[in-house]
Amino acid sequence: MSSIRGCLAFVLWFLNLLFWVIPIIILSPIKLLPIKMLQTLCSSLLVYLASNWIRGNVVIERLIHPVKIHMHNTGIELSEEEWYMVIANHQSWVDILILQRVLNQKIPFLKFFLKKDLIFVPFLGMAWWALDFPFMRRYSTAQLKKNPKLRGKDIEVTRKACAKFKSSPVSVMNFVEGTRLTAEKHDKQNSPFKHLLKPKAGGLAFALSALGDHIHKIVDVAIYYPDQTPTFWQYLCGEVKDVHVHIRVSDIDAKMRGDYQKDRAFKIGFQQHLNDIWVEKDAILETMAQSHAALTNTTVTETTAADKTTLEK
């Protein structure tokens, strides 16, 4: 039954993708015309279409595989007229779906740093390009040793990508750990955190530097899956029943503005500040884990008591 549900959800998602992405692809060449007003208008229309694409996905989720999202804080002030840097822990592709669900149309449309190869993904690659998602290419240590001229190229690409975000409000998403959490990666890193990998500061520092004074708030999201980290297919099949989410909004600290590449003192301070944020996030994740455990124990106790009463009758 769950596989049937997953197939149905996938078909509906694919149809929803085609419905919204095809007009996005058709309209995207307008952005190449050297007319600023037309480019701005086109970008706004593309974001409108993309936001409705996400809304359609959320509707499908709620109909086919409803997930209960437990929000652990209230009163967060968010705006679609503000520039945000969004950071979150990373465990699964499902993280992106959860982030879109809780943040869509509350902040500007989320834009992710993507690997350059993803531009070749059918339909989605062109849509991401049209929506100004920044495509990044990381060079390995071996590549840099072989060709030292490549050093700094990835940083320059980051700066050029972020320059596009200065004309209108945007939310730039950064998975600071750099990869998805697994037990193997956690052990290999000897991570000091219970629920997290070590944060990587470089990409975040360069993005903040490139955006300059346009961006002055961080949206820090902690996502906790109580049972197990789900795959995309498990999520489609409705096997994810509960997700816990905590959101913090804060001003970007002065310690996070500077020249990460050339100022060693700033670099060390930035890394320490980000590590402090990660310590707090780890504590929040542990609190959510304990909260879910307490809720589960209470439910089990109440069910047991109810069963006992029924048997006595």
Protein backbone atom coordinates (compact mmCIF):
# COMPACT_ATOMS: atom_id res chain seq x y z
CA MET A 1 0.00 0.00 0.00
CA SER A 2 2.82 2.41 0.86
CA SER A 3 4.49 1.76 -2.51
CA ILE A 4 1.24 2.55 -4.32
CA ARG A 5 1.01 5.78 -2.33
CA GLY A 6 4.60 6.61 -3.22
CA CYS A 7 4.02 6.00 -6.94
CA LEU A 8 0.87 8.14 -6.87
CA ALA A 9 2.67 10.94 -5.07
CA PHE A 10 5.58 10.77 -7.53
CA VAL A 11 3.26 10.98 -10.54
CA LEU A 12 1.40 13.95 -9.06
CA TRP A 13 4.68 15.70 -8.19
CA PHE A 14 5.97 15.13 -11.72
CA LEU A 15 2.76 16.54 -13.25
CA ASN A 16 2.96 19.52 -10.91
CA LEU A 17 6.61 19.98 -11.93
CA LEU A 18 5.73 20.01 -15.63
CA PHE A 19 2.79 22.38 -15.10
CA TRP A 20 4.96 25.07 -13.48
CA VAL A 21 8.46 24.41 -14.82
CA ILE A 22 7.58 24.43 -18.53
CA PRO A 23 6.41 28.09 -18.41
CA ILE A 24 9.50 28.90 -16.29
CA ILE A 25 11.75 27.46 -19.01
CA ILE A 26 9.79 29.20 -21.80
CA LEU A 27 10.03 32.60 -20.07
CA SER A 28 13.66 32.29 -18.95
CA PRO A 29 15.28 33.53 -22.25
CA ILE A 30 13.69 36.94 -21.60
CA LYS A 31 16.26 37.37 -18.82
CA LEU A 32 19.00 37.40 -21.46
CA LEU A 33 17.65 40.58 -23.05
CA PRO A 34 19.76 43.61 -22.01
CA ILE A 35 16.76 45.53 -20.64
CA LYS A 36 16.95 45.94 -16.86
CA MET A 37 13.24 46.56 -16.28
CA LEU A 38 12.29 43.54 -18.39
CA GLN A 39 14.82 41.35 -16.56
CA THR A 40 13.45 42.43 -13.17
CA LEU A 41 9.85 41.83 -14.22
CA CYS A 42 10.74 38.42 -15.64
CA SER A 43 12.61 37.41 -12.47
CA SER A 44 9.60 38.36 -10.32
CA LEU A 45 7.27 36.33 -12.54
CA LEU A 46 9.60 33.32 -12.46
CA VAL A 47 9.75 33.41 -8.66
CA TYR A 48 5.94 33.64 -8.53
CA LEU A 49 5.66 30.53 -10.69
CA ALA A 50 8.27 28.70 -8.59
CA SER A 51 6.50 29.57 -5.33
CA ASN A 52 3.27 28.11 -6.71
CA TRP A 53 5.16 25.01 -7.79
CA ILE A 54 6.21 24.54 -4.14
CA ARG A 55 2.67 25.21 -2.95
CA GLY A 56 1.44 22.49 -5.27
CA ASN A 57 3.96 20.05 -3.82
CA VAL A 58 2.79 20.88 -0.30
CA VAL A 59 -0.86 20.27 -1.26
CA ILE A 60 0.10 16.87 -2.70
CA GLU A 61 2.03 16.04 0.48
CA ARG A 62 -0.92 16.84 2.70
CA LEU A 63 -3.33 14.79 0.56
CA ILE A 64 -1.20 11.71 -0.14
CA HIS A 65 1.26 11.43 2.73
CA PRO A 66 0.41 13.85 5.54
CA VAL A 67 3.30 14.62 7.86
CA LYS A 68 2.85 16.23 11.25
CA ILE A 69 5.41 19.01 11.61
CA HIS A 70 5.99 19.98 15.23
CA MET A 71 7.15 23.60 15.45
CA HIS A 72 9.10 24.13 18.66
CA ASN A 73 8.92 27.89 18.78
CA THR A 74 6.38 30.55 17.91
CA GLY A 75 6.33 34.28 17.33
CA ILE A 76 9.12 34.24 14.71
CA GLU A 77 8.97 37.38 12.59
CA LEU A 78 9.70 36.68 8.93
CA SER A 79 9.13 38.79 5.81
CA GLU A 80 9.26 38.34 2.04
CA GLU A 81 10.81 41.80 1.82
CA GLU A 82 13.96 40.90 3.76
CA TRP A 83 17.30 39.33 2.73
CA TYR A 84 18.11 36.15 4.67
CA MET A 85 20.93 33.67 4.99
CA VAL A 86 19.29 30.34 5.87
CA ILE A 87 21.41 27.68 7.55
CA ALA A 88 20.29 24.20 8.58
CA ASN A 89 21.57 20.79 9.55
CA HIS A 90 21.60 18.31 6.68
CA GLN A 91 20.54 14.65 6.89
CA SER A 92 18.52 13.86 3.75
CA TRP A 93 17.10 15.32 0.53
CA VAL A 94 13.87 15.47 2.56
CA ASP A 95 15.42 18.41 4.45
CA ILE A 96 14.81 20.59 1.38
CA LEU A 97 11.14 19.60 1.22
CA ILE A 98 10.69 20.39 4.91
CA LEU A 99 12.44 23.76 4.56
CA GLN A 100 10.28 24.68 1.57
CA ARG A 101 7.15 23.63 3.42
CA VAL A 102 7.79 25.68 6.57
CA LEU A 103 9.36 28.73 4.87
CA ASN A 104 7.66 29.08 1.46
CA GLN A 105 5.89 32.45 1.11
CA LYS A 106 7.12 33.48 4.57
CA ILE A 107 10.54 34.55 3.29
CA PRO A 108 11.81 35.19 -0.26
CA PHE A 109 12.03 32.09 -2.44
CA LEU A 110 14.80 29.77 -1.18
CA LYS A 111 17.86 29.50 -3.42
CA PHE A 112 20.48 26.81 -2.90
CA PHE A 113 24.11 26.49 -3.85
CA LEU A 114 24.14 23.58 -6.32
CA LYS A 115 26.86 21.45 -7.83
CA LYS A 116 27.56 22.54 -11.40
CA ASP A 117 26.69 19.09 -12.80
CA LEU A 118 23.08 19.46 -11.59
CA ILE A 119 22.35 21.96 -14.37
CA PHE A 120 22.00 18.92 -16.65
CA VAL A 121 19.12 17.42 -14.64
CA PRO A 122 16.10 17.30 -17.01
CA PHE A 123 13.63 20.17 -16.48
CA LEU A 124 14.96 21.04 -13.02
CA GLY A 125 18.41 22.10 -14.22
CA MET A 126 17.00 24.72 -16.58
CA ALA A 127 14.50 25.84 -13.94
CA TRP A 128 17.27 26.30 -11.36
CA TRP A 129 19.28 28.31 -13.89
CA ALA A 130 16.27 30.48 -14.72
CA LEU A 131 15.69 31.13 -11.02
CA ASP A 132 19.32 32.21 -10.52
CA PHE A 133 20.31 29.30 -8.31
CA PRO A 134 24.11 29.57 -7.96
CA PHE A 135 25.95 26.65 -9.56
CA MET A 136 29.25 25.91 -7.86
CA ARG A 137 32.27 23.88 -8.87
CA ARG A 138 34.54 22.68 -6.10
CA TYR A 139 38.14 21.73 -6.88
CA SER A 140 39.84 18.87 -5.09
CA THR A 141 43.24 19.19 -3.45
CA ALA A 142 44.70 17.07 -6.26
CA GLN A 143 43.24 19.37 -8.94
CA LEU A 144 44.61 22.45 -7.18
CA LYS A 145 48.07 20.91 -6.93
CA LYS A 146 48.00 20.02 -10.62
CA ASN A 147 46.72 23.46 -11.66
CA PRO A 148 47.34 26.18 -9.00
CA LYS A 149 45.54 28.73 -11.20
CA LEU A 150 42.26 27.12 -10.17
CA ARG A 151 42.80 28.28 -6.58
CA GLY A 152 40.22 30.92 -5.71
CA LYS A 153 38.06 30.22 -8.79
CA ASP A 154 35.27 28.74 -6.68
CA ILE A 155 35.28 31.85 -4.48
CA GLU A 156 35.02 34.10 -7.52
CA VAL A 157 32.06 32.08 -8.79
CA THR A 158 30.40 32.53 -5.38
CA ARG A 159 30.87 36.29 -5.57
CA LYS A 160 29.42 36.51 -9.09
CA ALA A 161 26.45 34.33 -8.15
CA CYS A 162 25.65 36.35 -5.04
CA ALA A 163 25.97 39.64 -6.96
CA LYS A 164 22.66 38.75 -8.68
CA PHE A 165 20.92 38.69 -5.30
CA LYS A 166 21.52 42.36 -4.48
CA SER A 167 18.72 43.76 -6.66
CA SER A 168 15.77 42.16 -4.84
CA PRO A 169 15.13 40.30 -1.54
CA VAL A 170 16.38 36.74 -1.52
CA SER A 171 16.91 33.81 0.84
CA VAL A 172 20.20 32.01 0.30
CA MET A 173 20.30 28.47 1.71
CA ASN A 174 23.54 27.00 3.03
CA PHE A 175 23.97 23.51 4.48
CA VAL A 176 26.98 24.43 6.57
CA GLU A 177 28.06 20.83 7.24
CA GLY A 178 28.75 20.49 3.51
CA THR A 179 27.34 16.96 3.29
CA ARG A 180 24.55 14.81 4.69
CA LEU A 181 24.95 13.37 8.18
CA THR A 182 25.58 9.63 8.45
CA ALA A 183 26.91 7.58 11.35
CA GLU A 184 30.02 6.75 9.29
CA LYS A 185 30.79 10.40 8.53
CA HIS A 186 30.11 11.36 12.14
CA ASP A 187 32.58 8.73 13.42
CA LYS A 188 35.19 9.53 10.76
CA GLN A 189 35.13 13.21 11.72
CA ASN A 190 35.14 12.36 15.42
CA SER A 191 32.49 15.09 15.62
CA PRO A 192 32.12 16.71 19.05
CA PHE A 193 28.38 17.10 18.40
CA LYS A 194 25.79 14.43 19.10
CA HIS A 195 23.43 15.26 16.22
CA LEU A 196 25.69 17.17 13.82
CA LEU A 197 28.81 17.06 11.70
CA LYS A 198 31.43 19.75 12.12
CA PRO A 199 30.42 23.03 10.40
CA LYS A 200 32.42 24.30 7.43
CA ALA A 201 32.82 28.04 7.64
CA GLY A 202 34.37 28.99 4.28
CA GLY A 203 31.34 28.86 1.99
CA LEU A 204 29.13 30.74 4.46
CA ALA A 205 31.77 33.40 5.05
CA PHE A 206 32.29 34.02 1.33
CA ALA A 207 28.53 34.19 0.66
CA LEU A 208 28.01 36.72 3.46
CA SER A 209 30.94 38.76 2.18
CA ALA A 210 29.63 38.71 -1.40
CA LEU A 211 26.15 39.85 -0.33
CA GLY A 212 27.61 42.61 1.83
CA ASP A 213 25.25 44.97 3.64
CA HIS A 214 22.23 43.72 1.71
CA ILE A 215 21.89 40.77 4.04
CA HIS A 216 21.75 41.21 7.79
CA LYS A 217 19.66 38.34 9.20
CA ILE A 218 20.24 34.62 9.65
CA VAL A 219 17.43 32.07 9.75
CA ASP A 220 18.84 29.10 11.64
CA VAL A 221 16.75 25.93 11.20
CA ALA A 222 17.13 22.70 13.17
CA ILE A 223 15.37 19.63 11.72
CA TYR A 224 14.88 16.44 13.73
CA TYR A 225 13.47 13.14 12.42
CA PRO A 226 12.45 11.09 15.47
CA ASP A 227 12.40 7.58 14.01
CA GLN A 228 15.15 7.48 11.39
CA THR A 229 16.58 9.71 8.70
CA PRO A 230 14.17 9.18 5.79
CA THR A 231 15.01 8.73 2.15
CA PHE A 232 13.10 10.66 -0.49
CA TRP A 233 11.19 7.49 -1.43
CA GLN A 234 10.22 6.76 2.19
CA TYR A 235 8.90 10.31 2.44
CA LEU A 236 6.84 9.86 -0.75
CA CYS A 237 5.43 6.59 0.58
CA GLY A 238 4.14 8.27 3.73
CA GLU A 239 6.54 6.49 6.07
CA VAL A 240 7.48 9.78 7.76
CA LYS A 241 4.86 10.57 10.38
CA ASP A 242 6.52 13.27 12.48
CA VAL A 243 9.17 15.94 11.90
CA HIS A 244 10.33 18.41 14.54
CA VAL A 245 11.50 21.87 13.45
CA HIS A 246 13.02 24.75 15.40
CA ILE A 247 13.67 28.16 13.78
CA ARG A 248 15.78 30.99 15.15
CA VAL A 249 16.10 34.42 13.53
CA SER A 250 19.03 36.63 14.51
CA ASP A 251 20.99 39.60 13.23
CA ILE A 252 24.28 38.78 11.55
CA ASP A 253 26.93 39.39 14.17
CA ALA A 254 29.78 41.78 13.40
CA LYS A 255 32.11 38.82 13.97
CA MET A 256 30.74 37.32 10.74
CA ARG A 257 31.71 40.22 8.48
CA GLY A 258 35.25 40.49 7.17
CA ASP A 259 37.86 39.08 4.80
CA TYR A 260 37.87 35.34 5.44
CA GLN A 261 40.60 34.71 2.87
CA LYS A 262 43.19 37.25 4.00
CA ASP A 263 42.39 38.15 7.62
CA ARG A 264 43.53 35.21 9.77
CA ALA A 265 42.20 36.71 13.02
CA PHE A 266 38.77 37.19 11.42
CA LYS A 267 38.86 33.65 10.01
CA ILE A 268 39.53 32.15 13.44
CA GLY A 269 36.84 34.33 15.05
CA PHE A 270 34.30 33.41 12.36
CA GLN A 271 34.96 29.71 12.81
CA GLN A 272 34.57 30.02 16.59
CA HIS A 273 31.32 31.97 16.27
CA LEU A 274 29.88 29.40 13.85
CA ASN A 275 30.98 26.62 16.21
CA ASP A 276 29.10 28.36 19.04
CA ILE A 277 25.98 28.42 16.86
CA TRP A 278 26.46 24.70 16.22
CA VAL A 279 26.76 23.98 19.95
CA GLU A 280 23.41 25.70 20.49
CA LYS A 281 21.86 23.85 17.53
CA ASP A 282 23.05 20.50 18.90
CA ALA A 283 21.42 21.32 22.25
CA ILE A 284 18.17 22.26 20.47
CA LEU A 285 18.18 18.97 18.54
CA GLU A 286 18.72 17.04 21.79
CA THR A 287 15.82 18.92 23.41
CA MET A 288 13.55 18.01 20.46
CA ALA A 289 14.67 14.37 20.71
CA GLN A 290 13.83 14.29 24.42
CA SER A 291 10.52 16.07 23.78
CA HIS A 292 9.49 13.47 21.20
CA ALA A 293 10.56 10.62 23.48
CA ALA A 294 8.46 12.04 26.31
CA LEU A 295 5.48 12.47 23.97
CA THR A 296 5.85 8.88 22.72
CA ASN A 297 6.10 7.49 26.26
CA THR A 298 2.99 9.42 27.29
CA THR A 299 1.06 8.07 24.29
CA VAL A 300 2.19 4.50 25.00
CA THR A 301 1.20 4.83 28.67
CA GLU A 302 -2.24 6.20 27.79
CA THR A 303 -2.79 3.45 25.20
CA THR A 304 -1.74 0.75 27.67
CA ALA A 305 -4.06 2.17 30.34
CA ALA A 306 -6.93 2.30 27.85
CA ASP A 307 -6.29 -1.32 26.77
CA LYS A 308 -6.20 -2.42 30.42
CA THR A 309 -9.51 -0.69 31.12
CA THR A 310 -11.08 -2.39 28.09
CA LEU A 311 -9.88 -5.81 29.26
CA GLU A 312 -11.25 -5.25 32.77
CA LYS A 313 -14.63 -4.43 31.32
